[in-house]
């Protein structure tokens, strides 16, 4: 108030400059207040992932068993009938064994997804390998057409290599991604059972062709 009272006797130019300066200070005051206001609320940190339990060793053990069954099935020293039986058993262990493991852990969705993956991925890669093998097969024209095999070797190799890669990939994906379940939480101490009396009745032979009844009670507390 003293500055305003004494500025009346000042030069008009000085008084105008002071008025402009005061107006500038007043116009900047809300911005200063807004800058000094409370900081925006910080978003809460995401909740930590629940602990999980890995049981991929069980699926890998069944996959290893299927692989061991394939070895004698593809051996030339094994009779043809035994080769077919071992091959069918190896296919059943590969396709159904790990999904049953998921079912044993109470995970129906993982079992169905694993079954679909074990069937779809090898089939798709075997088809892709067949297409690539057919595209790279040598053309048989003219006199060489009679000596060309009905199915080119490149098609057979493409089918086998693609299917093998699909089977191996399904095994790895199953063990690393699907074979993991939430870890069971400790429910804590349970309440003791309520106190009470449990009646009991037993009938036993008496050794003379008859029976003997024994009655009693159990006290629970």
Foldseek 3Di string as FASTA:
>chain_A
DVVVVVCVPPDPVVNVVVVVVVVVVVVCVVVVVVVPDDDDDDDDDDDDDFDKDADLVQLVVLLVVLVVLQVVLPDPPDDPVSSVVSPVVSVCSLQQVVLVVCVVVVNNPLSVVLNVQQPPQLVVQLVVLLVVLVVPFDDADDPRPVVADPRHPSNVVRNVVRNVVSSVVSSVCCRPPSRMGGDDDDPPDDDADDWDKAKDKDWADPPPPHIDIDIDIDTDD
